[in-house]
């Protein structure tokens, strides 16, 4: 199915569905103008909820990109839940706090959902950490898809917050435990999204924590491992404002099989991220039987030697980023037209203006992209893109 765009006053919803026995839907709400009050949020939220309801879709993972304000986050979450009935029993959502590039309160919402099919019934159970919901497990036939949401290294009501590195270690340990409890293993994890409140200060600690966790999980042997998940490590504030970091992930497996269903994607345009201490794949393709999800990692203006290029030139960095993404997609003979959802992280307003100018002049493809202002993992990087494609 081709990408379908529905337009409302100041927003768009990009929707795509694919698959036979299991039908996967990607829905992306993109806000095009500043929404200054919670009342302004009602029409786009209602339209997105209606798109789910009319197709009887079951959300597996919902990620909200909005302003970094705990009070606002609580209001947005409450408003979204009010659009859904108790019977729909959605899993918890992830709220990522960053300034929307268009201004206002909300930049957009991404939803990965599944549709039940009569010949292939599916079940969806809530995953809990203690009594706290933290994701869901979808089962259809022998296929299992686990989605964890907003996993932190902080207790719900801590007496004191641990240091960032300690939070990261506990965050990864919790994720590993939840995956193990579901009968999967961490090597089944295909995609992670990691958000750090103080990215530039804490990124080295993240790399060290992730390396240790992946070594313990068996993902890092002596040589560069073949099945690292795709990943984004970017600035993002937790809904409550307190944790230094939080994590979303997707793991996919066949019942009774230890073999990962994802394959790493490599490109000559950029070196392996592991070469400079960041253990993730440039992208992965996930075989769900009847369709493939292609997750491209957060990609920025880095060359084949692992160096930042085009320092101080946002337009040139954006063009370099798209060229790098294009080569990852090409590893699976995929084109930009097959991208169904993406997030564009812009370092500052100048980077966003360059992004808009390049799109309007058709120098880069006009992807369905939520745009937020956020620090990138290096101070001299001005732009990052994380696309998802369906084949």
Protein backbone atom coordinates (compact mmCIF):
# COMPACT_ATOMS: atom_id res chain seq x y z
CA UNK A 1 0.00 0.00 0.00
CA UNK A 2 1.26 3.49 -0.80
CA UNK A 3 1.66 6.21 1.83
CA UNK A 4 -1.62 8.01 2.35
CA UNK A 5 -1.61 11.63 3.55
CA UNK A 6 -4.64 13.12 5.29
CA UNK A 7 -4.55 16.88 5.88
CA UNK A 8 -6.24 18.92 8.56
CA UNK A 9 -5.96 22.51 9.75
CA UNK A 10 -2.28 22.80 10.64
CA UNK A 11 -1.45 19.09 10.63
CA UNK A 12 -0.97 16.02 8.44
CA UNK A 13 -1.35 12.31 9.14
CA UNK A 14 0.82 9.98 7.08
CA UNK A 15 -0.54 6.41 7.14
CA UNK A 16 0.86 3.23 5.63
CA UNK A 17 -0.11 -0.43 5.97
CA UNK A 18 1.51 -3.59 4.65
CA UNK A 19 1.54 -7.31 5.27
CA UNK A 20 -0.53 -10.42 4.76
CA UNK A 21 -0.89 -12.66 7.82
CA UNK A 22 0.27 -9.77 9.99
CA UNK A 23 -0.66 -6.30 8.85
CA UNK A 24 1.61 -3.57 10.22
CA UNK A 25 0.53 0.07 10.19
CA UNK A 26 2.70 3.15 10.59
CA UNK A 27 0.87 6.37 11.41
CA UNK A 28 2.66 9.70 11.81
CA UNK A 29 0.96 12.88 12.97
CA UNK A 30 2.99 15.89 11.79
CA UNK A 31 2.19 19.33 13.18
CA UNK A 32 2.72 22.10 10.60
CA UNK A 33 2.04 25.22 12.66
CA UNK A 34 2.42 26.23 16.33
CA UNK A 35 -0.26 24.80 18.60
CA UNK A 36 -0.21 27.23 21.51
CA UNK A 37 -2.84 25.76 23.84
CA UNK A 38 -4.03 22.32 24.84
CA UNK A 39 -7.32 23.17 23.14
CA UNK A 40 -5.42 23.46 19.85
CA UNK A 41 -4.28 19.86 20.29
CA UNK A 42 -7.79 18.37 20.29
CA UNK A 43 -8.45 18.26 16.51
CA UNK A 44 -5.19 16.50 15.49
CA UNK A 45 -5.36 14.09 18.43
CA UNK A 46 -8.98 13.24 17.61
CA UNK A 47 -8.11 12.71 13.94
CA UNK A 48 -5.24 10.38 14.82
CA UNK A 49 -7.42 8.40 17.24
CA UNK A 50 -10.11 8.10 14.57
CA UNK A 51 -7.56 6.70 12.11
CA UNK A 52 -6.77 3.95 14.63
CA UNK A 53 -10.38 3.20 15.51
CA UNK A 54 -11.79 3.03 12.00
CA UNK A 55 -9.27 0.33 11.08
CA UNK A 56 -9.46 -1.47 14.44
CA UNK A 57 -5.72 -1.00 14.91
CA UNK A 58 -3.85 -2.04 18.04
CA UNK A 59 -1.00 0.30 18.90
CA UNK A 60 2.24 -1.44 19.79
CA UNK A 61 4.40 1.62 20.26
CA UNK A 62 3.40 5.28 20.51
CA UNK A 63 5.99 8.04 20.68
CA UNK A 64 4.94 11.65 21.33
CA UNK A 65 7.35 14.47 20.45
CA UNK A 66 6.41 17.59 22.39
CA UNK A 67 7.81 20.46 24.40
CA UNK A 68 10.04 19.59 27.36
CA UNK A 69 7.55 20.49 30.07
CA UNK A 70 6.36 17.87 32.60
CA UNK A 71 3.00 19.60 33.12
CA UNK A 72 2.38 19.74 29.38
CA UNK A 73 3.47 16.13 28.96
CA UNK A 74 0.92 15.02 31.57
CA UNK A 75 -1.82 17.02 29.82
CA UNK A 76 -0.99 15.63 26.38
CA UNK A 77 -0.91 12.06 27.70
CA UNK A 78 -4.26 12.58 29.45
CA UNK A 79 -5.80 14.10 26.32
CA UNK A 80 -4.57 11.22 24.17
CA UNK A 81 -5.88 8.60 26.56
CA UNK A 82 -9.25 10.35 26.62
CA UNK A 83 -9.57 9.69 22.89
CA UNK A 84 -9.20 5.95 23.46
CA UNK A 85 -11.69 3.63 25.18
CA UNK A 86 -10.87 1.34 28.09
CA UNK A 87 -11.61 -1.64 25.87
CA UNK A 88 -8.83 -0.60 23.51
CA UNK A 89 -6.29 -0.92 26.36
CA UNK A 90 -3.39 0.78 24.62
CA UNK A 91 0.12 0.10 25.94
CA UNK A 92 1.94 3.00 27.60
CA UNK A 93 3.33 5.71 25.36
CA UNK A 94 6.71 7.39 25.31
CA UNK A 95 6.85 11.18 25.62
CA UNK A 96 10.05 12.73 24.23
CA UNK A 97 10.53 16.31 25.33
CA UNK A 98 12.21 18.62 22.80
CA UNK A 99 11.22 22.00 21.36
CA UNK A 100 9.03 21.56 18.24
CA UNK A 101 10.74 23.28 15.31
CA UNK A 102 7.44 24.87 14.29
CA UNK A 103 7.03 26.25 17.82
CA UNK A 104 4.12 25.57 20.12
CA UNK A 105 3.44 22.53 22.27
CA UNK A 106 3.53 19.51 19.98
CA UNK A 107 5.73 18.43 17.05
CA UNK A 108 4.02 15.12 16.25
CA UNK A 109 3.24 11.53 17.18
CA UNK A 110 4.48 8.24 15.73
CA UNK A 111 2.46 5.04 16.12
CA UNK A 112 3.41 1.50 15.15
CA UNK A 113 0.25 -0.61 15.15
CA UNK A 114 -1.04 -4.01 14.08
CA UNK A 115 -4.38 -5.06 12.65
CA UNK A 116 -6.04 -8.36 13.58
CA UNK A 117 -6.73 -10.72 10.69
CA UNK A 118 -9.40 -13.44 10.83
CA UNK A 119 -7.08 -16.16 9.51
CA UNK A 120 -4.19 -15.09 11.77
CA UNK A 121 -5.58 -13.93 15.12
CA UNK A 122 -3.20 -11.96 17.29
CA UNK A 123 -2.87 -11.40 21.00
CA UNK A 124 -1.36 -8.39 22.67
CA UNK A 125 -0.38 -8.50 26.33
CA UNK A 126 0.87 -5.68 28.53
CA UNK A 127 4.45 -5.93 29.77
CA UNK A 128 5.01 -4.72 33.31
CA UNK A 129 7.98 -3.76 35.47
CA UNK A 130 6.65 -4.68 38.90
CA UNK A 131 3.19 -3.12 38.69
CA UNK A 132 4.25 -0.45 36.20
CA UNK A 133 3.23 -1.02 32.53
CA UNK A 134 6.27 -0.61 30.29
CA UNK A 135 5.29 -2.04 26.92
CA UNK A 136 3.51 -4.86 25.12
CA UNK A 137 4.09 -8.25 23.53
CA UNK A 138 2.33 -9.05 20.25
CA UNK A 139 1.94 -12.72 19.31
CA UNK A 140 0.64 -13.91 15.94
CA UNK A 141 1.33 -17.53 15.06
CA UNK A 142 4.93 -18.18 16.08
CA UNK A 143 5.96 -14.54 15.58
CA UNK A 144 6.56 -12.42 18.67
CA UNK A 145 7.14 -8.66 18.69
CA UNK A 146 8.05 -7.03 22.00
CA UNK A 147 7.96 -3.25 22.40
CA UNK A 148 9.35 -1.63 25.54
CA UNK A 149 8.58 1.99 26.25
CA UNK A 150 10.30 4.70 28.30
CA UNK A 151 12.48 2.30 30.31
CA UNK A 152 14.53 4.28 32.84
CA UNK A 153 17.09 3.53 35.52
CA UNK A 154 15.04 5.34 38.15
CA UNK A 155 12.44 4.03 40.59
CA UNK A 156 8.98 5.59 40.38
CA UNK A 157 9.46 7.71 43.52
CA UNK A 158 13.18 7.76 44.25
CA UNK A 159 14.57 9.33 47.41
CA UNK A 160 17.50 10.56 45.32
CA UNK A 161 18.42 10.25 41.67
CA UNK A 162 21.48 8.11 40.84
CA UNK A 163 24.26 9.62 38.76
CA UNK A 164 23.64 9.46 34.97
CA UNK A 165 26.01 6.50 34.38
CA UNK A 166 24.33 4.51 37.15
CA UNK A 167 20.92 5.32 35.62
CA UNK A 168 22.12 4.08 32.24
CA UNK A 169 23.46 0.83 33.68
CA UNK A 170 20.14 0.19 35.45
CA UNK A 171 18.16 1.18 32.33
CA UNK A 172 19.92 -1.42 30.18
CA UNK A 173 19.69 -4.04 32.94
CA UNK A 174 15.93 -3.48 33.23
CA UNK A 175 15.49 -3.78 29.48
CA UNK A 176 17.44 -7.04 29.41
CA UNK A 177 15.35 -8.46 32.28
CA UNK A 178 12.04 -7.55 30.66
CA UNK A 179 13.09 -9.13 27.36
CA UNK A 180 14.28 -12.27 29.14
CA UNK A 181 11.01 -12.53 31.10
CA UNK A 182 9.12 -12.57 27.80
CA UNK A 183 11.07 -15.60 26.58
CA UNK A 184 13.18 -13.56 24.16
CA UNK A 185 16.84 -12.61 24.43
CA UNK A 186 18.55 -9.26 23.97
CA UNK A 187 20.11 -10.37 20.63
CA UNK A 188 16.50 -10.32 19.32
CA UNK A 189 16.41 -6.53 19.80
CA UNK A 190 16.28 -4.93 16.35
CA UNK A 191 15.90 -1.23 17.19
CA UNK A 192 16.54 1.06 20.16
CA UNK A 193 15.79 4.72 20.77
CA UNK A 194 17.87 6.22 23.59
CA UNK A 195 17.17 9.70 24.93
CA UNK A 196 19.53 11.68 27.14
CA UNK A 197 18.51 14.91 28.86
CA UNK A 198 22.12 16.19 28.83
CA UNK A 199 23.30 14.52 25.66
CA UNK A 200 26.61 16.30 25.09
CA UNK A 201 27.69 15.84 28.70
CA UNK A 202 26.57 12.20 28.99
CA UNK A 203 27.10 10.66 25.54
CA UNK A 204 30.46 9.12 26.42
CA UNK A 205 28.89 7.57 29.51
CA UNK A 206 26.10 6.16 27.33
CA UNK A 207 28.61 4.53 25.00
CA UNK A 208 30.46 3.00 27.93
CA UNK A 209 27.25 1.75 29.55
CA UNK A 210 25.87 0.33 26.30
CA UNK A 211 29.16 -1.40 25.51
CA UNK A 212 29.21 -3.08 28.92
CA UNK A 213 25.55 -4.12 28.65
CA UNK A 214 25.97 -5.50 25.13
CA UNK A 215 29.09 -7.42 26.11
CA UNK A 216 27.19 -9.01 29.01
CA UNK A 217 24.31 -9.84 26.64
CA UNK A 218 26.66 -11.58 24.20
CA UNK A 219 26.37 -8.98 21.44
CA UNK A 220 30.03 -7.96 21.48
CA UNK A 221 32.59 -10.71 20.76
CA UNK A 222 36.20 -9.92 19.91
CA UNK A 223 35.36 -8.68 16.41
CA UNK A 224 32.61 -6.29 15.31
CA UNK A 225 29.34 -8.14 15.95
CA UNK A 226 27.00 -9.02 13.08
CA UNK A 227 23.64 -8.29 14.71
CA UNK A 228 23.76 -5.04 16.66
CA UNK A 229 20.43 -3.23 16.75
CA UNK A 230 19.85 -0.02 14.86
CA UNK A 231 19.72 2.91 17.25
CA UNK A 232 19.23 6.58 17.86
CA UNK A 233 21.05 8.31 20.72
CA UNK A 234 19.75 11.87 20.93
CA UNK A 235 18.72 14.59 23.33
CA UNK A 236 15.29 14.09 24.84
CA UNK A 237 13.61 14.91 28.14
CA UNK A 238 11.56 12.29 29.98
CA UNK A 239 7.88 13.13 30.54
CA UNK A 240 8.50 13.77 34.25
CA UNK A 241 11.69 15.73 33.65
CA UNK A 242 13.59 13.71 36.28
CA UNK A 243 15.47 10.75 34.71
CA UNK A 244 18.73 11.50 32.90
CA UNK A 245 17.91 8.91 30.25
CA UNK A 246 15.24 6.55 28.94
CA UNK A 247 14.95 3.85 26.32
CA UNK A 248 12.42 2.49 23.83
CA UNK A 249 13.05 -0.72 21.89
CA UNK A 250 11.59 -3.33 19.56
CA UNK A 251 12.58 -7.02 19.69
CA UNK A 252 11.37 -9.63 17.19
CA UNK A 253 11.67 -13.42 17.31
CA UNK A 254 10.07 -16.69 16.25
CA UNK A 255 8.88 -18.87 19.10
CA UNK A 256 11.50 -21.47 19.98
CA UNK A 257 14.20 -19.91 17.79
CA UNK A 258 17.30 -18.13 19.03
CA UNK A 259 18.11 -16.69 15.60
CA UNK A 260 17.55 -12.93 15.19
CA UNK A 261 15.04 -11.89 12.52
CA UNK A 262 16.94 -8.69 11.79
CA UNK A 263 19.99 -8.23 9.62
CA UNK A 264 22.43 -5.32 9.83
CA UNK A 265 22.76 -2.92 6.90
CA UNK A 266 26.17 -1.52 6.05
CA UNK A 267 27.33 1.25 3.77
CA UNK A 268 30.65 2.39 2.36
CA UNK A 269 29.50 5.97 2.86
CA UNK A 270 30.10 5.72 6.61
CA UNK A 271 32.25 3.46 8.76
CA UNK A 272 30.75 1.13 11.32
CA UNK A 273 29.73 3.19 14.35
CA UNK A 274 31.47 0.60 16.53
CA UNK A 275 34.77 1.83 15.09
CA UNK A 276 34.45 4.99 17.20
CA UNK A 277 32.89 3.34 20.24
CA UNK A 278 29.14 3.52 19.49
CA UNK A 279 27.83 -0.02 19.28
CA UNK A 280 24.89 0.05 16.87
CA UNK A 281 24.26 -0.84 13.23
CA UNK A 282 23.72 1.85 10.61
CA UNK A 283 20.39 0.19 9.96
CA UNK A 284 18.62 -3.14 10.13
CA UNK A 285 16.01 -4.92 8.09
CA UNK A 286 13.45 -7.03 9.97
CA UNK A 287 11.75 -9.94 8.19
CA UNK A 288 8.18 -10.30 9.47
CA UNK A 289 7.06 -12.75 6.77
CA UNK A 290 5.21 -10.94 4.01
CA UNK A 291 6.81 -7.60 4.77
CA UNK A 292 10.10 -6.12 5.88
CA UNK A 293 10.62 -3.20 8.22
CA UNK A 294 13.77 -1.24 7.54
CA UNK A 295 15.00 0.83 10.48
CA UNK A 296 17.73 3.35 9.65
CA UNK A 297 19.66 4.50 12.70
CA UNK A 298 19.95 8.15 13.59
CA UNK A 299 22.24 9.43 10.83
CA UNK A 300 24.29 12.62 10.71
CA UNK A 301 27.07 14.25 8.67
CA UNK A 302 29.84 11.71 9.39
CA UNK A 303 32.18 10.37 6.72
CA UNK A 304 33.81 6.98 6.11
CA UNK A 305 36.60 7.85 8.56
CA UNK A 306 34.10 8.58 11.33
CA UNK A 307 34.74 12.34 11.16
CA UNK A 308 32.22 15.18 11.21
CA UNK A 309 32.15 16.90 7.81
CA UNK A 310 30.80 20.31 6.72
CA UNK A 311 31.23 21.93 10.12
CA UNK A 312 29.20 25.11 10.51
CA UNK A 313 27.25 24.53 7.26
CA UNK A 314 23.75 23.21 8.05
CA UNK A 315 22.61 22.79 4.43
CA UNK A 316 25.73 20.84 3.52
CA UNK A 317 25.36 18.63 6.61
CA UNK A 318 21.74 17.90 5.72
CA UNK A 319 22.67 16.93 2.16
CA UNK A 320 25.47 14.71 3.50
CA UNK A 321 23.03 13.08 5.93
CA UNK A 322 20.53 12.29 3.18
CA UNK A 323 23.30 10.86 1.01
CA UNK A 324 24.34 8.56 3.86
CA UNK A 325 20.74 7.48 4.51
CA UNK A 326 20.23 6.81 0.81
CA UNK A 327 23.13 4.33 0.76
CA UNK A 328 21.72 2.48 3.78
CA UNK A 329 18.36 2.19 2.06
CA UNK A 330 20.04 1.10 -1.17
CA UNK A 331 21.60 -1.87 0.66
CA UNK A 332 18.09 -3.36 0.51
CA UNK A 333 17.16 -1.78 -2.87
CA UNK A 334 14.85 0.61 -1.02
CA UNK A 335 14.11 4.18 -2.13
CA UNK A 336 13.15 7.30 -0.19
CA UNK A 337 9.61 6.86 -1.53
CA UNK A 338 9.28 3.80 0.72
CA UNK A 339 10.03 5.76 3.90
CA UNK A 340 6.83 5.82 5.97
CA UNK A 341 7.93 7.80 9.02
CA UNK A 342 10.90 9.83 10.22
CA UNK A 343 12.13 12.35 12.76
CA UNK A 344 14.44 15.24 11.83
CA UNK A 345 16.53 16.55 14.73
CA UNK A 346 17.74 20.11 14.13
CA UNK A 347 20.43 21.60 16.36
CA UNK A 348 19.04 25.13 16.16
CA UNK A 349 16.62 27.34 14.16
CA UNK A 350 19.25 27.87 11.43
CA UNK A 351 19.43 24.13 10.82
CA UNK A 352 15.65 23.93 10.65
CA UNK A 353 15.50 26.80 8.14
CA UNK A 354 18.06 25.01 5.98
CA UNK A 355 16.01 21.81 6.24
CA UNK A 356 12.85 23.62 5.15
CA UNK A 357 14.62 25.41 2.30
CA UNK A 358 16.09 22.17 0.94
CA UNK A 359 12.71 20.45 1.07
CA UNK A 360 10.86 23.32 -0.60
CA UNK A 361 13.46 23.44 -3.40
CA UNK A 362 13.24 19.63 -3.81
CA UNK A 363 16.96 19.22 -3.16
CA UNK A 364 16.02 16.55 -0.60
CA UNK A 365 12.93 14.31 -0.58
CA UNK A 366 9.94 15.64 1.35
CA UNK A 367 9.65 12.71 3.74
CA UNK A 368 6.89 12.40 6.36
CA UNK A 369 9.07 13.96 9.07
CA UNK A 370 8.44 15.28 12.57
CA UNK A 371 10.94 18.11 13.19
CA UNK A 372 12.29 18.88 16.65
CA UNK A 373 15.14 20.98 18.00
CA UNK A 374 17.68 18.87 19.88
CA UNK A 375 21.38 18.46 20.51
CA UNK A 376 23.09 15.87 18.32
CA UNK A 377 25.76 13.53 19.76
CA UNK A 378 28.62 15.88 18.76
CA UNK A 379 28.60 19.61 19.31
CA UNK A 380 29.62 20.22 15.67
CA UNK A 381 26.75 18.15 14.24
CA UNK A 382 23.76 20.23 13.24
CA UNK A 383 21.24 17.70 11.90
CA UNK A 384 20.21 14.05 12.35
CA UNK A 385 17.59 11.97 10.56
CA UNK A 386 16.01 8.65 11.62
CA UNK A 387 13.77 7.13 8.90
CA UNK A 388 11.71 3.95 8.88
CA UNK A 389 10.81 2.26 5.59
CA UNK A 390 8.53 -0.64 4.71
CA UNK A 391 9.16 -3.10 1.89
